[in-house]
Amino acid sequence: MADIAFVFHWPPAAMDDLSVAELMQWRDRAAQRHNPEQSRGS
């Protein structure tokens, strides 16, 4: 959750209603946004 909050500037309360699957999807998006080179396999 910290990854999501850091990258997207979301407060913790914004993630309260998300399922674990949704949190994992958003975490993947945060990782891609934060490290785009690594996401492409470089």
Protein backbone atom coordinates (compact mmCIF):
# COMPACT_ATOMS: atom_id res chain seq x y z
CA MET A 1 0.00 0.00 0.00
CA ALA A 2 2.88 2.35 0.64
CA ASP A 3 4.01 1.96 -2.98
CA ILE A 4 0.57 2.98 -4.23
CA ALA A 5 0.33 5.92 -1.82
CA PHE A 6 3.81 7.15 -2.75
CA VAL A 7 3.44 6.96 -6.53
CA PHE A 8 -0.18 8.06 -6.90
CA HIS A 9 -0.34 10.37 -3.84
CA TRP A 10 -3.34 8.51 -2.42
CA PRO A 11 -4.15 8.66 1.28
CA PRO A 12 -4.52 5.26 2.97
CA ALA A 13 -8.29 5.75 3.26
CA ALA A 14 -8.53 5.80 -0.55
CA MET A 15 -7.48 2.14 -0.60
CA ASP A 16 -9.77 0.88 2.19
CA ASP A 17 -12.45 -0.45 -0.13
CA LEU A 18 -10.09 -2.14 -2.61
CA SER A 19 -9.83 -5.92 -2.66
CA VAL A 20 -6.47 -7.64 -2.34
CA ALA A 21 -6.54 -8.37 -6.09
CA GLU A 22 -7.20 -4.69 -6.86
CA LEU A 23 -4.41 -3.61 -4.51
CA MET A 24 -1.99 -5.94 -6.29
CA GLN A 25 -3.03 -4.54 -9.68
CA TRP A 26 -2.49 -0.97 -8.48
CA ARG A 27 0.84 -1.96 -6.94
CA ASP A 28 1.96 -3.32 -10.31
CA ARG A 29 0.93 -0.05 -11.95
CA ALA A 30 2.84 1.92 -9.33
CA ALA A 31 5.96 -0.16 -9.93
CA GLN A 32 5.68 0.37 -13.69
CA ARG A 33 5.29 4.11 -13.25
CA HIS A 34 8.14 4.38 -10.75
CA ASN A 35 10.59 2.15 -12.68
CA PRO A 36 9.56 2.18 -16.35
CA GLU A 37 12.90 0.79 -17.58
CA GLN A 38 12.68 -2.28 -15.37
CA SER A 39 9.09 -2.90 -16.43
CA ARG A 40 10.17 -3.25 -20.06
CA GLY A 41 12.72 -5.91 -19.18
CA SER A 42 15.79 -3.71 -19.76
